[in-house]
């Protein structure tokens, strides 16, 4: 590791921690940030000594980056909880304290329990599938209704629907690939930095981890003894440091290709629904009637399925989604009718 760069990173971390401590209303978490700022200052001193020993010059005074200033400003205005992703990208530690505060997180009693509560509990793929199907339904049904409103021919409507299906599915897949890939790169970068720091100064990393457990209510002596025991196993320590200090879950890295394929398939399933009558050989206007009916059933079904995650009444959820889809479809149909372009 470059001592000069590491010195700058630690100084910026200390600056950010103090800014977050001022913005945080929870006194327990604010105290944690102040303690982490002091720890970062001590690590910066270590790197300063290493830089001087290596003959590397250091800046006369530390200046935070524009990005750090922007994130600190957002944290002051919106609260640190609402800018957690940006804080994680700047390698702010202790973010798991927010999860603990919100979920009544229990303190670990042995090494096997450390980090367990941060693991995924499932349901993410199901949720993504339902929303992907719903997106395909609403967008392609609305597109088809718009072309029908413009009085296009059956062949034109079918071609437009297929084009909308492919364009939407590919767009969703590309967006999901970039999103997951970017998240994975961030996780890998942050975990790599944590691995380097654990190798360079395990005692300091153990102290930072202990501060997090102390902020949760663990006895200081017990927390420090526990953290010291933990860092003796580098593999387990790295996993825990990623979860507890950075608020990252190594189990959630995922595959960008897999996420893109999943998104493509989910959107395609929804977008196919209003096209089924056309593929079955039906022509306008019957195909439009049947397609609209199938889309309405699909919208109600996805709205009802979303109640699994919202806790709302499934019938009300289905009716709400049906109403939203109907409004979108009617609006696009009206626009197409007003334009009145016959592209047959």
Foldseek 3Di string as FASTA:
>chain_A
DQLQVLLLLLQLLLVLLQLQLVQAPPVLVSVLSNVSSVLSNVVSVVSVVVCVVVVHDHDPDHDHDPLSVVLSVCCNVPNCLVCLVSCLLSQFWQPCLVVCVVPVDDDDPALVPQPPVLDDPDPPLVVLLLVLLLVLLLQLLLQLLLQVLLVEWQVVSLVSLVVSLVVVLQVQLVVLLVVLVVVLVSLVVSLVVVLVVCVVDVLSLLQSQLSSVVSVPDDSVVSSVRSVVQSVDVVSNSQNRCCRISVDHPVPSDHSNVRSVSSSVSSNNNSCQLVVLVVVPDTPPVSSVNSLVSSLVSQLVSQLVCCVVVVDHSNVSSVVSSVVSVVSNVVSSVVSNVVNDYPD
